[in-house]
Amino acid sequence: MQSPLISVEVNGNNKTNSFQFSETKQNMESLIAFILFASLFFLIYIFVKEIKKQKKTKAKYKLDTGLNKKLLTMLSGDEKAALRLIRNVRQNNPGKSYIWYQEKVIRDLERDRRC
């Protein structure tokens, strides 16, 4: 929607200059600015959410030093074997905590040694 033309008298002459005030242009600029700010805040929200998710994931896989020592003792200090066993248990039982995987490997080793 365009606003009406405005005539202006310049230096006493009846010379008219036409000016169009484009409210739609101002509205469009405001809308674009709003969309940019909304997008920016949305991206910041997603970024913060991902950071919090990563912090939770890191906490999920913290080692229990007591279990780690026990596992390494049972394997005569073979760290590669411990990691391999934990990796295999993790593939077979996804979604558990790292401590659960350590406990499972220790239980399996104890069970296998009893047989």
Protein backbone atom coordinates (compact mmCIF):
# COMPACT_ATOMS: atom_id res chain seq x y z
CA MET A 1 0.00 0.00 0.00
CA GLN A 2 1.53 3.31 -1.05
CA SER A 3 0.92 6.57 0.76
CA PRO A 4 -0.30 9.63 -1.17
CA LEU A 5 2.08 12.05 -2.86
CA ILE A 6 3.00 15.17 -0.94
CA SER A 7 3.60 18.50 -2.64
CA VAL A 8 6.09 20.92 -1.14
CA GLU A 9 6.56 24.62 -1.93
CA VAL A 10 10.24 25.44 -2.42
CA ASN A 11 11.51 29.11 -2.28
CA GLY A 12 8.10 30.63 -2.86
CA ASN A 13 7.68 28.86 -6.19
CA ASN A 14 4.85 26.51 -6.72
CA LYS A 15 7.33 23.92 -7.74
CA THR A 16 6.17 20.57 -6.41
CA ASN A 17 8.41 17.70 -5.54
CA SER A 18 6.93 14.29 -5.08
CA PHE A 19 7.98 12.23 -2.12
CA GLN A 20 6.68 8.79 -1.48
CA PHE A 21 6.83 7.59 2.04
CA SER A 22 7.07 3.90 1.86
CA GLU A 23 5.73 2.48 5.05
CA THR A 24 5.90 -0.95 3.51
CA LYS A 25 9.67 -0.61 3.12
CA GLN A 26 10.02 0.30 6.79
CA ASN A 27 7.72 -2.55 7.77
CA MET A 28 9.70 -4.94 5.60
CA GLU A 29 13.00 -3.83 7.15
CA SER A 30 11.54 -4.27 10.62
CA LEU A 31 10.26 -7.71 9.72
CA ILE A 32 13.65 -8.77 8.33
CA ALA A 33 15.41 -7.47 11.44
CA PHE A 34 12.96 -9.36 13.65
CA ILE A 35 13.49 -12.58 11.68
CA LEU A 36 17.27 -12.21 11.90
CA PHE A 37 17.17 -11.65 15.67
CA ALA A 38 14.73 -14.53 16.17
CA SER A 39 16.98 -16.81 14.10
CA LEU A 40 20.03 -15.71 16.08
CA PHE A 41 18.34 -16.42 19.42
CA PHE A 42 17.11 -19.78 18.12
CA LEU A 43 20.63 -20.76 17.07
CA ILE A 44 22.02 -19.69 20.44
CA TYR A 45 19.33 -21.78 22.16
CA ILE A 46 20.23 -24.85 20.08
CA PHE A 47 23.95 -24.28 20.71
CA VAL A 48 23.47 -24.06 24.50
CA LYS A 49 21.26 -27.15 24.44
CA GLU A 50 23.96 -29.11 22.58
CA ILE A 51 26.63 -27.99 25.05
CA LYS A 52 24.51 -29.18 27.98
CA LYS A 53 23.93 -32.48 26.18
CA GLN A 54 27.68 -32.95 25.68
CA LYS A 55 28.36 -32.25 29.36
CA LYS A 56 25.86 -34.96 30.32
CA THR A 57 27.46 -37.39 27.88
CA LYS A 58 30.93 -36.76 29.31
CA ALA A 59 29.64 -37.38 32.83
CA LYS A 60 28.05 -40.63 31.70
CA TYR A 61 31.40 -42.08 30.64
CA LYS A 62 33.54 -41.13 33.61
CA LEU A 63 35.74 -43.90 34.87
CA ASP A 64 35.38 -45.38 38.30
CA THR A 65 39.01 -45.66 39.38
CA GLY A 66 38.28 -48.51 41.80
CA LEU A 67 36.61 -50.58 39.09
CA ASN A 68 39.32 -49.62 36.64
CA LYS A 69 42.05 -50.84 39.01
CA LYS A 70 40.18 -54.07 39.68
CA LEU A 71 39.68 -54.72 35.97
CA LEU A 72 43.33 -54.01 35.17
CA THR A 73 44.42 -56.27 38.04
CA MET A 74 42.27 -59.10 36.69
CA LEU A 75 43.86 -58.60 33.24
CA SER A 76 47.43 -58.27 34.60
CA GLY A 77 47.58 -54.60 33.59
CA ASP A 78 46.61 -55.16 29.94
CA GLU A 79 44.83 -51.88 29.13
CA LYS A 80 44.24 -52.79 25.48
CA ALA A 81 42.41 -55.96 26.52
CA ALA A 82 40.32 -54.00 29.03
CA LEU A 83 39.31 -51.44 26.41
CA ARG A 84 38.55 -54.18 23.88
CA LEU A 85 36.31 -56.04 26.37
CA ILE A 86 34.51 -52.83 27.34
CA ARG A 87 34.04 -51.92 23.66
CA ASN A 88 32.52 -55.35 22.92
CA VAL A 89 30.15 -55.14 25.90
CA ARG A 90 29.18 -51.61 24.84
CA GLN A 91 28.31 -52.79 21.32
CA ASN A 92 26.13 -55.60 22.69
CA ASN A 93 24.44 -53.42 25.34
CA PRO A 94 24.09 -49.84 24.04
CA GLY A 95 22.82 -46.98 26.18
CA LYS A 96 24.32 -48.00 29.52
CA SER A 97 26.76 -46.02 31.65
CA TYR A 98 30.50 -46.61 31.42
CA ILE A 99 30.54 -47.84 35.01
CA TRP A 100 27.92 -50.45 34.08
CA TYR A 101 30.16 -51.64 31.24
CA GLN A 102 33.12 -51.93 33.62
CA GLU A 103 31.04 -53.89 36.13
CA LYS A 104 29.72 -56.18 33.36
CA VAL A 105 33.24 -56.95 32.11
CA ILE A 106 34.38 -57.71 35.68
CA ARG A 107 31.35 -59.98 36.29
CA ASP A 108 31.97 -61.80 33.00
CA LEU A 109 35.66 -62.31 33.81
CA GLU A 110 34.81 -63.59 37.31
CA ARG A 111 32.16 -65.92 35.86
CA ASP A 112 34.55 -67.24 33.20
CA ARG A 113 37.28 -67.90 35.78
CA ARG A 114 34.93 -69.95 37.96
CA CYS A 115 34.15 -72.35 35.13
